[in-house]
Structure formats: structure tokens, C-alpha cells
Amino acid sequence: MSQTKRYKPAPDVMLSTVDDGAVLLHLKHGIYFGLNPVGADIWDMLNKGLGAEACVAQLTESYDIDTAAASGDYQALIGELLEQGLIESL
């Protein structure tokens, strides 16, 4: 996965914040997808237009984890969101 690639929420995807993260709903496909607090933060970063490198840097700072762990979390979530059609490339 490219460190400069950027993603954005797909059209027709709604976010609802809950106590322990967030829930995404793809209105067109009827897909629900739960996000833990880290996932909800990544979603927020995608909404702000941040690329992979910036997201990973922010995760390492916010959660006091190393770059490899932050990158792994980011890449895993991006892969799942792409697979479900919840995000798209810019």
C-alpha cells in the first residue's frame, strides 16, 4: 500500500458515533461496519484528507505506539473498508 495514497468515504456512507467508537452504514448496500476508537480516529483522518503517512504519524503520537504497529492497524482497516466499499481512492 502506497504511503502517499489517499482515500475518502464512499458516497452514501453514514457515520454514527457510539461510546466505544463508531458505526458506519452504507445506505446503498445496507452494510453496517463497526469501528473501535482507533478506527473512528482513522475515519476522521480520512475525512480530513490525510494520506497514509500522516495517519500513521498521528496514530503513533495519539496512541503512543511504534510506527510498525500504527502502519499495520492503518493498513488492516483500509483493506477492510475498501473490501466493503466504504471508502474509495482519491
C-alpha atoms as a PDB file:
ATOM      1  CA  MET A   1       0.000   0.000   0.000  1.00  0.00           C
ATOM      2  CA  SER A   2       1.406   3.347  -1.030  1.00  0.00           C
ATOM      3  CA  GLN A   3       2.310   5.729   1.786  1.00  0.00           C
ATOM      4  CA  THR A   4       1.082   8.650  -0.344  1.00  0.00           C
ATOM      5  CA  LYS A   5      -2.245   7.155  -1.405  1.00  0.00           C
ATOM      6  CA  ARG A   6      -5.318   8.912  -0.086  1.00  0.00           C
ATOM      7  CA  TYR A   7      -8.833   7.629   0.485  1.00  0.00           C
ATOM      8  CA  LYS A   8     -12.183   9.188   1.197  1.00  0.00           C
ATOM      9  CA  PRO A   9     -15.509   7.886   2.454  1.00  0.00           C
ATOM     10  CA  ALA A  10     -17.616   6.422  -0.318  1.00  0.00           C
ATOM     11  CA  PRO A  11     -20.826   8.211  -1.236  1.00  0.00           C
ATOM     12  CA  ASP A  12     -23.865   7.026   0.717  1.00  0.00           C
ATOM     13  CA  VAL A  13     -21.828   6.084   3.820  1.00  0.00           C
ATOM     14  CA  MET A  14     -23.076   7.498   7.098  1.00  0.00           C
ATOM     15  CA  LEU A  15     -21.220   7.563  10.415  1.00  0.00           C
ATOM     16  CA  SER A  16     -22.817   7.297  13.840  1.00  0.00           C
ATOM     17  CA  THR A  17     -20.632   7.828  16.891  1.00  0.00           C
ATOM     18  CA  VAL A  18     -21.110   5.440  19.816  1.00  0.00           C
ATOM     19  CA  ASP A  19     -19.443   5.222  23.233  1.00  0.00           C
ATOM     20  CA  ASP A  20     -16.765   2.768  22.130  1.00  0.00           C
ATOM     21  CA  GLY A  21     -16.091   4.030  18.589  1.00  0.00           C
ATOM     22  CA  ALA A  22     -18.439   4.436  15.652  1.00  0.00           C
ATOM     23  CA  VAL A  23     -20.689   2.541  13.273  1.00  0.00           C
ATOM     24  CA  LEU A  24     -20.669   3.018   9.521  1.00  0.00           C
ATOM     25  CA  LEU A  25     -23.719   2.357   7.386  1.00  0.00           C
ATOM     26  CA  HIS A  26     -23.540   2.111   3.614  1.00  0.00           C
ATOM     27  CA  LEU A  27     -27.041   3.263   2.714  1.00  0.00           C
ATOM     28  CA  LYS A  28     -26.960   1.852  -0.813  1.00  0.00           C
ATOM     29  CA  HIS A  29     -25.702  -1.628   0.126  1.00  0.00           C
ATOM     30  CA  GLY A  30     -27.115  -1.916   3.652  1.00  0.00           C
ATOM     31  CA  ILE A  31     -23.699  -2.738   5.134  1.00  0.00           C
ATOM     32  CA  TYR A  32     -23.021  -1.980   8.803  1.00  0.00           C
ATOM     33  CA  PHE A  33     -19.394  -1.791   9.922  1.00  0.00           C
ATOM     34  CA  GLY A  34     -18.196  -1.163  13.489  1.00  0.00           C
ATOM     35  CA  LEU A  35     -15.138   0.938  14.274  1.00  0.00           C
ATOM     36  CA  ASN A  36     -13.263   0.850  17.553  1.00  0.00           C
ATOM     37  CA  PRO A  37     -11.861   4.186  18.834  1.00  0.00           C
ATOM     38  CA  VAL A  38      -8.698   3.826  16.727  1.00  0.00           C
ATOM     39  CA  GLY A  39     -10.767   3.027  13.643  1.00  0.00           C
ATOM     40  CA  ALA A  40     -13.019   6.018  14.330  1.00  0.00           C
ATOM     41  CA  ASP A  41      -9.915   8.232  14.533  1.00  0.00           C
ATOM     42  CA  ILE A  42      -8.641   6.848  11.226  1.00  0.00           C
ATOM     43  CA  TRP A  43     -12.056   7.525   9.653  1.00  0.00           C
ATOM     44  CA  ASP A  44     -11.843  11.124  10.894  1.00  0.00           C
ATOM     45  CA  MET A  45      -8.369  11.456   9.378  1.00  0.00           C
ATOM     46  CA  LEU A  46      -9.669  10.151   6.032  1.00  0.00           C
ATOM     47  CA  ASN A  47     -12.420  12.764   6.167  1.00  0.00           C
ATOM     48  CA  LYS A  48      -9.742  15.400   6.648  1.00  0.00           C
ATOM     49  CA  GLY A  49      -7.914  14.178   3.542  1.00  0.00           C
ATOM     50  CA  LEU A  50      -4.831  12.838   5.323  1.00  0.00           C
ATOM     51  CA  GLY A  51      -2.710  10.293   3.493  1.00  0.00           C
ATOM     52  CA  ALA A  52      -1.297   7.086   4.913  1.00  0.00           C
ATOM     53  CA  GLU A  53       1.953   8.606   6.170  1.00  0.00           C
ATOM     54  CA  ALA A  54       0.184  11.409   8.035  1.00  0.00           C
ATOM     55  CA  CYS A  55      -2.380   8.995   9.504  1.00  0.00           C
ATOM     56  CA  VAL A  56       0.323   6.652  10.760  1.00  0.00           C
ATOM     57  CA  ALA A  57       2.274   9.559  12.268  1.00  0.00           C
ATOM     58  CA  GLN A  58      -0.837  10.804  14.068  1.00  0.00           C
ATOM     59  CA  LEU A  59      -1.649   7.307  15.355  1.00  0.00           C
ATOM     60  CA  THR A  60       1.858   6.860  16.759  1.00  0.00           C
ATOM     61  CA  GLU A  61       1.566  10.155  18.593  1.00  0.00           C
ATOM     62  CA  SER A  62      -2.020   9.760  19.817  1.00  0.00           C
ATOM     63  CA  TYR A  63      -1.712   6.156  20.988  1.00  0.00           C
ATOM     64  CA  ASP A  64       1.989   6.034  21.923  1.00  0.00           C
ATOM     65  CA  ILE A  65       2.664   3.046  19.652  1.00  0.00           C
ATOM     66  CA  ASP A  66       5.502   2.374  17.264  1.00  0.00           C
ATOM     67  CA  THR A  67       5.291   3.111  13.554  1.00  0.00           C
ATOM     68  CA  ALA A  68       5.087  -0.564  12.566  1.00  0.00           C
ATOM     69  CA  ALA A  69       2.047  -1.162  14.804  1.00  0.00           C
ATOM     70  CA  ALA A  70       0.330   2.030  13.624  1.00  0.00           C
ATOM     71  CA  SER A  71       1.014   1.196   9.987  1.00  0.00           C
ATOM     72  CA  GLY A  72      -0.296  -2.341  10.442  1.00  0.00           C
ATOM     73  CA  ASP A  73      -3.502  -1.086  12.078  1.00  0.00           C
ATOM     74  CA  TYR A  74      -3.984   1.522   9.361  1.00  0.00           C
ATOM     75  CA  GLN A  75      -3.389  -0.905   6.508  1.00  0.00           C
ATOM     76  CA  ALA A  76      -5.653  -3.569   8.000  1.00  0.00           C
ATOM     77  CA  LEU A  77      -8.539  -1.142   8.407  1.00  0.00           C
ATOM     78  CA  ILE A  78      -8.068   0.411   4.963  1.00  0.00           C
ATOM     79  CA  GLY A  79      -8.126  -3.076   3.432  1.00  0.00           C
ATOM     80  CA  GLU A  80     -11.386  -3.932   5.196  1.00  0.00           C
ATOM     81  CA  LEU A  81     -13.009  -0.609   4.316  1.00  0.00           C
ATOM     82  CA  LEU A  82     -12.035  -0.995   0.664  1.00  0.00           C
ATOM     83  CA  GLU A  83     -13.311  -4.573   0.590  1.00  0.00           C
ATOM     84  CA  GLN A  84     -16.689  -3.430   1.951  1.00  0.00           C
ATOM     85  CA  GLY A  85     -16.899  -0.479  -0.447  1.00  0.00           C
ATOM     86  CA  LEU A  86     -16.945   2.016   2.412  1.00  0.00           C
ATOM     87  CA  ILE A  87     -14.029   4.108   1.099  1.00  0.00           C
ATOM     88  CA  GLU A  88     -12.589   4.912  -2.308  1.00  0.00           C
ATOM     89  CA  SER A  89      -9.298   6.204  -3.650  1.00  0.00           C
ATOM     90  CA  LEU A  90      -8.858   9.873  -4.347  1.00  0.00           C
END
